[in-house]
Amino acid sequence: MSPAAGRPLLVVADDDLASRARIEHELGSRYGADYDVRACTTAELAATLAELRAAGLDVAVALASCDGGGELLAGVRQLFPTARRGLLIPWLGWAERETAELVLRAMARGWIDLYVLQPAQAPDEIFHRTITELLQESARLRGEGPSGATVVADPRSARAHELRSTLAGLGIPHRVRSAADGAGPTVELADGTVLADPSAAELARALGFPTALEGTSADLVVVGAGPAGLGAAVYAASEGLDTIVLDGGGVGGQAGSSSLIRNYLGFPRGLGGGELAQRAYQQAWLFGTRFRLTERVVGLARDGDVLRVRCADGLEATARAIVLALGVEYRRLDAPGLAELEGAGVYYGASVSEARALEGEDGYVVGGGNSAGQAAIAIARYARRVTILVRSDTLATSMSRYLIDAIDEAPNVDVRYRTSVEAASGRGRLEALELAGPNGAETVPAAALFVLIGARPRTEWLPAEVERDEWGYVVTGPNQETTMAGVFAAGDVSARSVKRVASAVGSGALAVTGVHAYLTGTGSG
């Protein structure tokens, strides 16, 4: 039976006839209403995928048995960039040395997204849990699935970028649709509400996020809703502390823009930074944490026995203790034309929504760290070609090995060493970059430039009582305490922090230990 037009496919390659029939039955009976299933041998996989591509069909998930299918799955991404790839292994297969080595090699080289345990019974819910996760991720990459909002604007405009960034920071799945000529930007919500060029606060309120506080005093105020701040909020609220979280944007901080975090404990398939942030936000909220988003904190002072924080609009909140989880902001690249084109082809950080607009065009990533590597892999799903620009002559000293291997395996990702951006140009949006490299200067066409060259702390507004090092990072002692009594710091803003999501969450939890000690008079803060 030929696939229905427009319906994504689930492709299974297995040389064992009985195993193939069982998997085909499981997929068809559970997902047949929305997906078509195509089964073949591993030897037929490449031809099957080429045939589907030629027919203009799409593949959501491709599965292949470990008997010869591992390396074949590497070719799926080039034909179907948003497809998820799973290596089928039998129960206890991970205990067999040959199979285990294949799984590890396939993951390290970027051939697969995850291994999938073959169904052992009908129905097999462990099998379906994995398949459902792969389908959800594929739908997200295709820009399908539930959408809480649609940005209607010129997709390449700076204003569209701002609106998308606000929605991404709030963890709202969204789409972008081009506006009619001359029409101003709007945001259409899932319930039919249309907002004309909304501010960040207006958009947050319309989506049900708190931009005001019910009561402005608490046991603890956490400034910042990134991983460290959310970690502090979860542990503080779950242990009975009345907790308020204030943030000038949404939730997730810098980590919220990461397309895929592969090395966070407990998520072997990886998860998006936005998804992680939303889970933590919901967890903290369920424990009773109060949030106020889209409002910057600009002042901190002691007022007798309490600490007082002041927001940019004049709102003040008081608490017996404060956790500063301010995070860091991306460093700006200093070159002519970049500031004028920021948000219109020049981006600091990277998100899937920006990457999706690059289909068939060339994108550039500046940076040699993990964030740059993650961005390049994500953008390569959509762009014709992605080029990473690095000032040094190696990635080995700044990027995790798994990302370097993934970049080496990606057919449309290049790395140019000892190369810098000297200028950017374009009429209303980025069109070209001037690069300087070992062979001299050249001008290249470019649809987008993603800059990920490190970050700096946002601590200029803190009082002198909070000691900072020469770079502006907050100096902390045991249990994350600062030099100002009752004030603690967690995450990337802390001096000598590791700059990893897991360590940020851990330092938020550790700060709460310090808060308890301070409030009970048993600490040194």
Protein backbone atom coordinates (compact mmCIF):
# COMPACT_ATOMS: atom_id res chain seq x y z
CA MET A 1 0.00 0.00 0.00
CA SER A 2 1.42 3.40 -0.93
CA PRO A 3 1.75 6.05 1.80
CA ALA A 4 -0.97 8.66 2.05
CA ALA A 5 0.07 12.03 0.63
CA GLY A 6 1.47 14.36 3.26
CA ARG A 7 1.62 11.82 6.08
CA PRO A 8 5.05 11.26 7.65
CA LEU A 9 6.41 7.74 7.65
CA LEU A 10 7.85 5.36 10.21
CA VAL A 11 10.54 3.27 8.50
CA VAL A 12 11.77 -0.06 9.90
CA ALA A 13 14.80 -1.95 8.56
CA ASP A 14 15.33 -5.42 10.01
CA ASP A 15 16.61 -8.62 8.36
CA ASP A 16 14.78 -10.87 10.83
CA LEU A 17 11.37 -11.45 9.23
CA ALA A 18 9.56 -12.23 12.50
CA SER A 19 11.11 -9.26 14.31
CA ARG A 20 10.31 -6.94 11.41
CA ALA A 21 6.70 -8.10 11.29
CA ARG A 22 6.30 -7.62 15.06
CA ILE A 23 7.69 -4.08 14.97
CA GLU A 24 5.62 -3.21 11.90
CA HIS A 25 2.49 -4.44 13.68
CA GLU A 26 3.27 -2.48 16.86
CA LEU A 27 3.84 0.74 14.92
CA GLY A 28 0.84 0.29 12.66
CA SER A 29 -1.62 -0.57 15.43
CA ARG A 30 -0.55 2.35 17.67
CA TYR A 31 0.27 5.12 15.17
CA GLY A 32 -1.43 4.04 11.95
CA ALA A 33 -4.08 6.76 12.13
CA ASP A 34 -1.44 9.50 11.72
CA TYR A 35 1.64 7.84 10.23
CA ASP A 36 2.34 5.29 7.50
CA VAL A 37 4.73 2.43 8.15
CA ARG A 38 7.29 1.15 5.65
CA ALA A 39 9.29 -2.02 6.46
CA CYS A 40 12.32 -3.38 4.61
CA THR A 41 15.59 -5.22 5.08
CA THR A 42 18.71 -3.33 6.08
CA ALA A 43 20.11 -3.83 2.57
CA GLU A 44 17.02 -2.08 1.18
CA LEU A 45 17.09 0.87 3.61
CA ALA A 46 19.13 3.31 1.50
CA ALA A 47 17.04 2.67 -1.60
CA THR A 48 13.81 2.93 0.39
CA LEU A 49 14.80 6.29 1.85
CA ALA A 50 15.85 7.61 -1.57
CA GLU A 51 12.53 6.48 -3.04
CA LEU A 52 10.56 8.26 -0.31
CA ARG A 53 12.59 11.43 -0.77
CA ALA A 54 12.05 11.36 -4.53
CA ALA A 55 8.31 10.97 -3.95
CA GLY A 56 8.30 14.11 -1.80
CA LEU A 57 7.37 12.21 1.36
CA ASP A 58 8.75 12.82 4.84
CA VAL A 59 10.14 10.41 7.44
CA ALA A 60 9.45 11.05 11.11
CA VAL A 61 11.32 8.08 12.60
CA ALA A 62 13.71 5.57 11.06
CA LEU A 63 14.60 2.37 12.92
CA ALA A 64 17.24 -0.16 11.92
CA SER A 65 18.45 -3.34 13.59
CA CYS A 66 21.92 -3.46 15.08
CA ASP A 67 22.82 -6.18 12.56
CA GLY A 68 24.15 -3.87 9.89
CA GLY A 69 21.81 -0.93 10.37
CA GLY A 70 23.88 1.37 12.57
CA GLU A 71 25.99 3.10 9.94
CA LEU A 72 23.12 3.10 7.45
CA LEU A 73 21.13 5.39 9.76
CA ALA A 74 23.85 8.03 9.39
CA GLY A 75 22.51 8.83 5.92
CA VAL A 76 18.98 9.54 7.14
CA ARG A 77 19.73 13.07 8.36
CA GLN A 78 20.95 14.27 4.96
CA LEU A 79 17.71 13.16 3.27
CA PHE A 80 15.32 13.91 6.14
CA PRO A 81 16.83 16.50 8.53
CA THR A 82 14.02 16.33 11.07
CA ALA A 83 13.77 12.52 11.24
CA ARG A 84 14.72 10.79 14.48
CA ARG A 85 16.90 7.69 14.18
CA GLY A 86 16.80 4.67 16.49
CA LEU A 87 19.06 1.62 16.58
CA LEU A 88 17.01 -1.48 17.39
CA ILE A 89 18.61 -3.80 19.92
CA PRO A 90 17.18 -6.86 21.70
CA TRP A 91 16.47 -7.03 25.40
CA LEU A 92 19.77 -7.29 27.33
CA GLY A 93 21.55 -6.45 24.08
CA TRP A 94 23.49 -3.73 25.89
CA ALA A 95 25.18 -6.51 27.89
CA GLU A 96 26.70 -8.00 24.73
CA ARG A 97 30.06 -6.39 24.07
CA GLU A 98 29.68 -6.16 20.30
CA THR A 99 26.23 -4.55 20.53
CA ALA A 100 27.29 -2.19 23.29
CA GLU A 101 30.29 -1.02 21.30
CA LEU A 102 28.08 -0.45 18.24
CA VAL A 103 25.63 1.66 20.26
CA LEU A 104 28.42 3.76 21.77
CA ARG A 105 30.13 4.23 18.41
CA ALA A 106 26.87 5.14 16.67
CA MET A 107 25.96 7.70 19.34
CA ALA A 108 29.46 9.21 19.45
CA ARG A 109 29.57 9.63 15.68
CA GLY A 110 26.06 11.05 15.44
CA TRP A 111 24.65 8.17 13.39
CA ILE A 112 21.67 7.69 15.71
CA ASP A 113 19.66 9.66 18.25
CA LEU A 114 18.97 6.76 20.61
CA TYR A 115 18.87 3.01 20.86
CA VAL A 116 15.44 1.39 20.96
CA LEU A 117 14.61 -1.87 22.67
CA GLN A 118 12.78 -4.21 20.31
CA PRO A 119 9.23 -4.98 21.47
CA ALA A 120 9.09 -8.18 23.47
CA GLN A 121 5.29 -8.42 23.72
CA ALA A 122 2.16 -6.83 22.31
CA PRO A 123 1.66 -4.11 23.30
CA ASP A 124 5.10 -3.21 24.62
CA GLU A 125 4.77 0.11 26.46
CA ILE A 126 8.52 0.49 27.02
CA PHE A 127 9.00 0.36 23.25
CA HIS A 128 6.15 2.83 22.71
CA ARG A 129 7.45 5.26 25.33
CA THR A 130 10.67 5.61 23.34
CA ILE A 131 8.88 5.85 19.99
CA THR A 132 6.54 8.53 21.34
CA GLU A 133 9.51 10.60 22.52
CA LEU A 134 11.13 10.30 19.10
CA LEU A 135 7.89 11.29 17.36
CA GLN A 136 7.43 14.28 19.64
CA GLU A 137 10.97 15.48 18.93
CA SER A 138 10.52 15.00 15.19
CA ALA A 139 7.27 16.99 15.23
CA ARG A 140 8.99 19.78 17.15
CA LEU A 141 11.81 19.93 14.62
CA ARG A 142 9.30 20.08 11.75
CA GLY A 143 7.52 22.98 13.46
CA GLU A 144 4.39 20.89 13.96
CA GLY A 145 2.57 19.68 17.03
CA PRO A 146 0.81 21.90 19.59
CA SER A 147 1.46 25.61 19.12
CA GLY A 148 0.62 28.20 21.74
CA ALA A 149 1.22 31.18 19.48
CA THR A 150 1.93 32.32 15.93
CA VAL A 151 4.13 35.32 15.23
CA VAL A 152 2.85 37.14 12.12
CA ALA A 153 5.68 39.35 10.85
CA ASP A 154 8.58 39.47 8.46
CA PRO A 155 10.42 36.30 9.61
CA ARG A 156 13.82 37.97 9.17
CA SER A 157 12.96 41.21 10.98
CA ALA A 158 14.45 42.21 14.32
CA ARG A 159 10.95 42.56 15.81
CA ALA A 160 10.01 39.00 14.83
CA HIS A 161 13.22 37.84 16.49
CA GLU A 162 12.30 39.70 19.70
CA LEU A 163 8.83 38.16 19.79
CA ARG A 164 10.18 34.67 19.11
CA SER A 165 12.79 35.14 21.83
CA THR A 166 10.11 36.11 24.35
CA LEU A 167 8.00 33.09 23.45
CA ALA A 168 11.02 30.78 23.60
CA GLY A 169 11.96 32.20 27.00
CA LEU A 170 8.45 31.43 28.23
CA GLY A 171 8.68 27.91 26.82
CA ILE A 172 5.75 28.43 24.43
CA PRO A 173 5.84 26.33 21.22
CA HIS A 174 5.23 28.75 18.38
CA ARG A 175 5.29 29.23 14.65
CA VAL A 176 6.07 32.16 12.36
CA ARG A 177 3.98 33.32 9.41
CA SER A 178 4.87 36.13 7.04
CA ALA A 179 2.76 39.25 7.42
CA ALA A 180 1.10 41.02 4.52
CA ASP A 181 3.09 43.86 3.00
CA GLY A 182 2.97 46.90 5.25
CA ALA A 183 1.24 45.10 8.12
CA GLY A 184 2.64 45.49 11.62
CA PRO A 185 3.73 42.50 13.70
CA THR A 186 1.07 40.60 15.63
CA VAL A 187 0.93 37.49 17.78
CA GLU A 188 -2.02 35.10 17.42
CA LEU A 189 -2.62 32.95 20.49
CA ALA A 190 -4.07 29.44 20.43
CA ASP A 191 -7.41 30.69 21.83
CA GLY A 192 -7.85 33.14 18.94
CA THR A 193 -6.64 36.26 20.76
CA VAL A 194 -4.65 38.59 18.51
CA LEU A 195 -2.08 40.91 20.11
CA ALA A 196 -0.82 43.86 18.08
CA ASP A 197 2.95 44.30 18.51
CA PRO A 198 2.83 43.29 22.21
CA SER A 199 5.52 44.07 24.76
CA ALA A 200 7.17 41.15 26.55
CA ALA A 201 5.05 41.75 29.65
CA GLU A 202 1.81 41.99 27.64
CA LEU A 203 2.62 38.75 25.84
CA ALA A 204 3.52 36.98 29.09
CA ARG A 205 0.28 38.10 30.78
CA ALA A 206 -1.85 37.04 27.82
CA LEU A 207 -0.27 33.58 28.00
CA GLY A 208 -1.05 33.28 31.70
CA PHE A 209 2.44 33.91 33.08
CA PRO A 210 2.74 35.99 36.26
CA THR A 211 3.96 39.55 35.74
CA ALA A 212 2.66 40.75 39.11
CA LEU A 213 3.09 39.42 42.63
CA GLU A 214 0.48 38.46 45.20
CA GLY A 215 2.35 39.71 48.24
CA THR A 216 5.87 41.10 48.08
CA SER A 217 7.46 39.61 51.19
CA ALA A 218 8.87 36.11 51.54
CA ASP A 219 11.46 34.00 53.33
CA LEU A 220 13.58 33.92 50.19
CA VAL A 221 13.78 35.95 47.00
CA VAL A 222 15.61 34.32 44.08
CA VAL A 223 16.81 36.76 41.43
CA GLY A 224 17.02 34.88 38.13
CA ALA A 225 15.03 32.00 36.63
CA GLY A 226 17.79 30.06 34.90
CA PRO A 227 18.85 26.57 36.01
CA ALA A 228 20.49 27.85 39.22
CA GLY A 229 17.54 30.01 40.20
CA LEU A 230 14.99 27.33 39.39
CA GLY A 231 17.08 24.77 41.30
CA ALA A 232 17.14 27.06 44.34
CA ALA A 233 13.38 27.66 44.05
CA VAL A 234 12.52 23.96 43.85
CA TYR A 235 14.62 23.01 46.86
CA ALA A 236 13.64 26.06 48.94
CA ALA A 237 9.89 25.78 48.31
CA SER A 238 9.86 22.00 48.74
CA GLU A 239 11.51 22.45 52.14
CA GLY A 240 8.90 24.93 53.35
CA LEU A 241 10.46 28.31 52.57
CA ASP A 242 8.08 30.94 51.19
CA THR A 243 9.85 31.71 47.89
CA ILE A 244 9.62 34.40 45.21
CA VAL A 245 11.48 34.26 41.88
CA LEU A 246 12.06 37.45 39.88
CA ASP A 247 13.43 37.53 36.33
CA GLY A 248 13.72 40.16 33.64
CA GLY A 249 12.79 37.72 30.89
CA GLY A 250 11.25 34.27 30.88
CA VAL A 251 12.59 31.06 32.38
CA GLY A 252 15.67 29.06 31.46
CA GLY A 253 18.31 31.75 31.17
CA GLN A 254 21.11 31.11 28.70
CA ALA A 255 20.54 27.35 28.93
CA GLY A 256 16.98 27.84 27.70
CA SER A 257 18.26 28.60 24.21
CA SER A 258 20.26 25.36 23.94
CA SER A 259 18.77 23.18 21.23
CA LEU A 260 19.86 19.93 22.83
CA ILE A 261 21.67 19.22 26.11
CA ARG A 262 23.15 15.74 25.78
CA ASN A 263 25.15 15.53 29.02
CA TYR A 264 22.49 16.31 31.63
CA LEU A 265 22.12 13.46 34.12
CA GLY A 266 19.18 11.14 33.49
CA PHE A 267 18.43 12.15 29.88
CA PRO A 268 20.43 9.82 27.62
CA ARG A 269 18.62 11.07 24.49
CA GLY A 270 19.23 14.64 25.59
CA LEU A 271 16.61 17.35 26.01
CA GLY A 272 16.16 20.91 24.89
CA GLY A 273 17.10 23.68 27.27
CA GLY A 274 13.63 25.19 26.98
CA GLU A 275 11.98 21.90 27.91
CA LEU A 276 14.24 21.48 30.93
CA ALA A 277 13.46 25.01 32.08
CA GLN A 278 9.71 24.52 31.70
CA ARG A 279 9.77 21.30 33.71
CA ALA A 280 11.71 23.03 36.48
CA TYR A 281 9.37 26.05 36.39
CA GLN A 282 6.31 23.80 36.77
CA GLN A 283 8.01 21.86 39.55
CA ALA A 284 8.82 25.02 41.52
CA TRP A 285 5.31 26.42 40.93
CA LEU A 286 3.71 23.20 42.20
CA PHE A 287 5.70 23.56 45.42
CA GLY A 288 4.24 27.05 45.89
CA THR A 289 6.92 29.32 44.43
CA ARG A 290 5.62 32.72 43.28
CA PHE A 291 7.05 34.09 40.03
CA ARG A 292 7.24 37.54 38.50
CA LEU A 293 8.62 37.49 34.97
CA THR A 294 9.65 40.14 32.42
CA GLU A 295 10.82 42.58 35.08
CA ARG A 296 14.46 43.34 35.87
CA VAL A 297 15.81 43.66 39.37
CA VAL A 298 17.98 46.79 39.59
CA GLY A 299 18.67 47.28 43.29
CA LEU A 300 19.54 45.39 46.48
CA ALA A 301 19.86 46.84 50.00
CA ARG A 302 19.49 45.90 53.64
CA ASP A 303 16.58 47.43 55.55
CA GLY A 304 16.97 46.50 59.20
CA ASP A 305 16.48 42.76 59.55
CA VAL A 306 15.30 42.23 55.99
CA LEU A 307 16.77 42.52 52.53
CA ARG A 308 15.01 44.57 49.91
CA VAL A 309 15.19 44.19 46.11
CA ARG A 310 13.90 46.84 43.73
CA CYS A 311 12.64 46.21 40.20
CA ALA A 312 12.98 48.55 37.23
CA ASP A 313 9.31 49.61 37.42
CA GLY A 314 9.61 50.50 41.12
CA LEU A 315 8.17 47.30 42.62
CA GLU A 316 9.99 46.22 45.79
CA ALA A 317 10.08 42.82 47.45
CA THR A 318 11.50 41.95 50.85
CA ALA A 319 12.91 38.73 52.21
CA ARG A 320 15.04 37.36 54.99
CA ALA A 321 17.50 35.93 52.46
CA ILE A 322 18.40 36.43 48.81
CA VAL A 323 19.85 34.06 46.19
CA LEU A 324 21.48 35.82 43.25
CA ALA A 325 21.15 33.52 40.23
CA LEU A 326 21.81 36.26 37.69
CA GLY A 327 23.49 34.09 35.11
CA VAL A 328 25.52 35.77 32.38
CA GLU A 329 24.81 37.45 29.07
CA TYR A 330 26.39 36.68 25.73
CA ARG A 331 29.44 38.71 24.84
CA ARG A 332 29.00 40.98 21.86
CA LEU A 333 31.16 40.72 18.77
CA ASP A 334 32.71 44.06 17.85
CA ALA A 335 32.70 44.51 14.07
CA PRO A 336 31.10 47.06 11.71
CA GLY A 337 27.51 46.30 10.75
CA LEU A 338 26.77 43.75 13.47
CA ALA A 339 24.91 46.06 15.84
CA GLU A 340 22.72 47.43 13.03
CA LEU A 341 21.73 43.90 11.93
CA GLU A 342 21.22 42.36 15.37
CA GLY A 343 17.98 40.40 15.31
CA ALA A 344 17.84 40.66 11.52
CA GLY A 345 20.30 37.91 10.69
CA VAL A 346 22.80 38.50 13.49
CA TYR A 347 21.91 36.59 16.66
CA TYR A 348 23.51 36.11 20.06
CA GLY A 349 22.71 32.57 21.06
CA ALA A 350 20.71 30.22 18.86
CA SER A 351 17.23 28.74 18.83
CA VAL A 352 15.39 26.26 16.65
CA SER A 353 12.92 28.92 15.54
CA GLU A 354 15.72 31.03 14.07
CA ALA A 355 17.43 28.01 12.53
CA ARG A 356 14.25 26.85 10.80
CA ALA A 357 14.15 30.02 8.70
CA LEU A 358 17.49 29.10 7.09
CA GLU A 359 16.25 26.31 4.84
CA GLY A 360 18.42 26.20 1.74
CA GLU A 361 20.70 29.05 2.87
CA ASP A 362 24.12 29.45 4.47
CA GLY A 363 24.61 30.14 8.17
CA TYR A 364 27.69 30.89 10.24
CA VAL A 365 28.45 30.21 13.90
CA VAL A 366 31.16 32.09 15.79
CA GLY A 367 32.62 30.27 18.79
CA GLY A 368 34.48 27.16 19.81
CA GLY A 369 32.62 26.04 22.94
CA ASN A 370 29.82 23.56 23.56
CA SER A 371 27.08 26.12 22.92
CA ALA A 372 28.56 26.86 19.50
CA GLY A 373 28.81 23.16 18.67
CA GLN A 374 25.21 22.50 19.74
CA ALA A 375 24.03 25.47 17.69
CA ALA A 376 25.88 24.33 14.56
CA ILE A 377 24.37 20.82 14.72
CA ALA A 378 20.86 22.22 15.24
CA ILE A 379 21.16 24.79 12.43
CA ALA A 380 22.56 22.17 10.05
CA ARG A 381 19.19 20.40 10.03
CA TYR A 382 17.76 23.27 8.03
CA ALA A 383 20.58 25.31 6.46
CA ARG A 384 22.25 24.34 3.21
CA ARG A 385 25.62 24.67 4.92
CA VAL A 386 26.86 25.78 8.33
CA THR A 387 30.38 27.10 8.90
CA ILE A 388 31.88 27.39 12.38
CA LEU A 389 34.39 30.24 12.69
CA VAL A 390 37.05 29.71 15.35
CA ARG A 391 39.95 32.02 16.25
CA SER A 392 42.13 29.17 17.53
CA ASP A 393 43.50 26.24 15.55
CA THR A 394 41.59 23.48 17.39
CA LEU A 395 38.25 22.69 19.03
CA ALA A 396 39.72 20.07 21.35
CA THR A 397 40.52 22.48 24.20
CA SER A 398 37.08 24.11 24.36
CA MET A 399 34.44 21.65 23.12
CA SER A 400 33.23 18.25 24.37
CA ARG A 401 34.41 15.25 22.37
CA TYR A 402 30.88 14.08 21.51
CA LEU A 403 30.15 17.40 19.81
CA ILE A 404 33.43 17.39 17.88
CA ASP A 405 32.60 13.88 16.62
CA ALA A 406 29.09 14.99 15.62
CA ILE A 407 30.52 17.95 13.70
CA ASP A 408 33.02 15.68 11.93
CA GLU A 409 30.19 13.39 10.85
CA ALA A 410 27.79 16.13 9.71
CA PRO A 411 28.04 16.41 5.91
CA ASN A 412 27.05 20.09 5.77
CA VAL A 413 29.07 21.50 8.70
CA ASP A 414 32.52 22.97 8.15
CA VAL A 415 35.02 24.47 10.58
CA ARG A 416 37.30 27.34 9.63
CA TYR A 417 40.17 27.87 12.05
CA ARG A 418 42.07 31.10 12.73
CA THR A 419 39.19 33.00 11.15
CA SER A 420 37.32 36.05 12.42
CA VAL A 421 34.37 38.22 11.36
CA GLU A 422 35.54 41.66 10.28
CA ALA A 423 32.25 43.19 9.10
CA ALA A 424 28.61 42.45 8.21
CA SER A 425 26.44 44.03 5.56
CA GLY A 426 22.92 43.91 4.17
CA ARG A 427 19.86 46.03 3.42
CA GLY A 428 17.61 45.57 6.41
CA ARG A 429 18.89 42.04 7.02
CA LEU A 430 22.19 40.20 6.91
CA GLU A 431 23.35 39.39 3.39
CA ALA A 432 27.15 39.09 3.57
CA LEU A 433 30.08 38.73 5.97
CA GLU A 434 33.64 39.87 5.59
CA LEU A 435 35.98 37.24 7.01
CA ALA A 436 39.70 37.33 7.76
CA GLY A 437 41.58 34.04 7.79
CA PRO A 438 44.94 32.45 7.11
CA ASN A 439 44.57 33.13 3.39
CA GLY A 440 43.53 36.77 3.76
CA ALA A 441 40.19 38.57 3.62
CA GLU A 442 37.11 37.50 1.68
CA THR A 443 33.43 38.37 1.48
CA VAL A 444 30.90 35.51 1.68
CA PRO A 445 27.10 35.46 1.31
CA ALA A 446 25.38 34.73 4.62
CA ALA A 447 21.76 34.54 5.72
CA ALA A 448 22.51 34.33 9.43
CA LEU A 449 25.33 34.70 11.93
CA PHE A 450 25.02 33.11 15.37
CA VAL A 451 27.52 34.45 17.90
CA LEU A 452 28.43 32.29 20.90
CA ILE A 453 31.76 33.57 22.19
CA GLY A 454 31.33 33.33 25.92
CA ALA A 455 29.54 35.51 28.36
CA ARG A 456 29.93 38.11 31.09
CA PRO A 457 28.11 38.52 34.42
CA ARG A 458 25.38 41.12 34.90
CA THR A 459 26.43 42.42 38.31
CA GLU A 460 26.99 46.17 37.84
CA TRP A 461 23.90 47.02 39.89
CA LEU A 462 24.91 45.10 43.01
CA PRO A 463 25.93 47.08 46.12
CA ALA A 464 29.58 47.36 47.16
CA GLU A 465 28.97 44.96 50.07
CA VAL A 466 28.76 42.09 47.54
CA GLU A 467 32.37 41.39 46.58
CA ARG A 468 33.13 40.61 42.95
CA ASP A 469 36.30 39.54 41.21
CA GLU A 470 38.05 41.52 38.48
CA TRP A 471 35.68 40.16 35.83
CA GLY A 472 32.52 40.95 37.80
CA TYR A 473 31.74 37.45 39.04
CA VAL A 474 30.41 37.22 42.61
CA VAL A 475 32.87 35.83 45.16
CA THR A 476 31.31 33.05 47.25
CA GLY A 477 32.32 30.98 50.25
CA PRO A 478 30.88 27.82 51.83
CA ASN A 479 27.28 27.09 50.84
CA GLN A 480 27.46 29.82 48.15
CA GLU A 481 27.37 32.69 50.69
CA THR A 482 28.56 36.12 49.56
CA THR A 483 30.23 38.88 51.56
CA MET A 484 26.83 40.46 52.29
CA ALA A 485 25.01 38.72 55.14
CA GLY A 486 21.95 36.82 54.00
CA VAL A 487 22.87 37.06 50.32
CA PHE A 488 23.95 33.97 48.38
CA ALA A 489 24.98 33.48 44.75
CA ALA A 490 24.47 30.42 42.53
CA GLY A 491 25.18 29.34 38.99
CA ASP A 492 27.27 31.02 36.34
CA VAL A 493 27.40 34.37 38.17
CA SER A 494 29.55 32.81 40.91
CA ALA A 495 33.31 33.15 40.62
CA ARG A 496 35.01 29.92 39.51
CA SER A 497 31.69 28.32 38.51
CA VAL A 498 31.89 25.40 36.09
CA LYS A 499 29.42 26.82 33.52
CA ARG A 500 27.38 23.63 33.17
CA VAL A 501 23.64 23.20 33.68
CA ALA A 502 24.08 20.40 36.21
CA SER A 503 26.54 22.39 38.32
CA ALA A 504 24.23 25.43 38.19
CA VAL A 505 21.31 23.38 39.51
CA GLY A 506 23.57 21.89 42.19
CA SER A 507 24.83 25.28 43.31
CA GLY A 508 21.22 26.49 43.59
CA ALA A 509 20.46 23.60 45.90
CA LEU A 510 23.66 24.25 47.87
CA ALA A 511 22.69 27.90 48.28
CA VAL A 512 19.43 26.80 49.90
CA THR A 513 21.47 24.82 52.44
CA GLY A 514 23.26 28.09 53.20
CA VAL A 515 19.96 29.95 53.44
CA HIS A 516 18.65 27.46 56.03
CA ALA A 517 21.84 27.81 58.06
CA TYR A 518 21.64 31.60 57.92
CA LEU A 519 17.97 31.76 58.88
CA THR A 520 18.46 29.42 61.84
CA GLY A 521 21.62 31.18 62.98
CA THR A 522 23.88 28.18 62.42
CA GLY A 523 25.77 29.49 59.38
CA SER A 524 28.54 32.00 58.92
CA GLY A 525 26.75 34.22 56.36
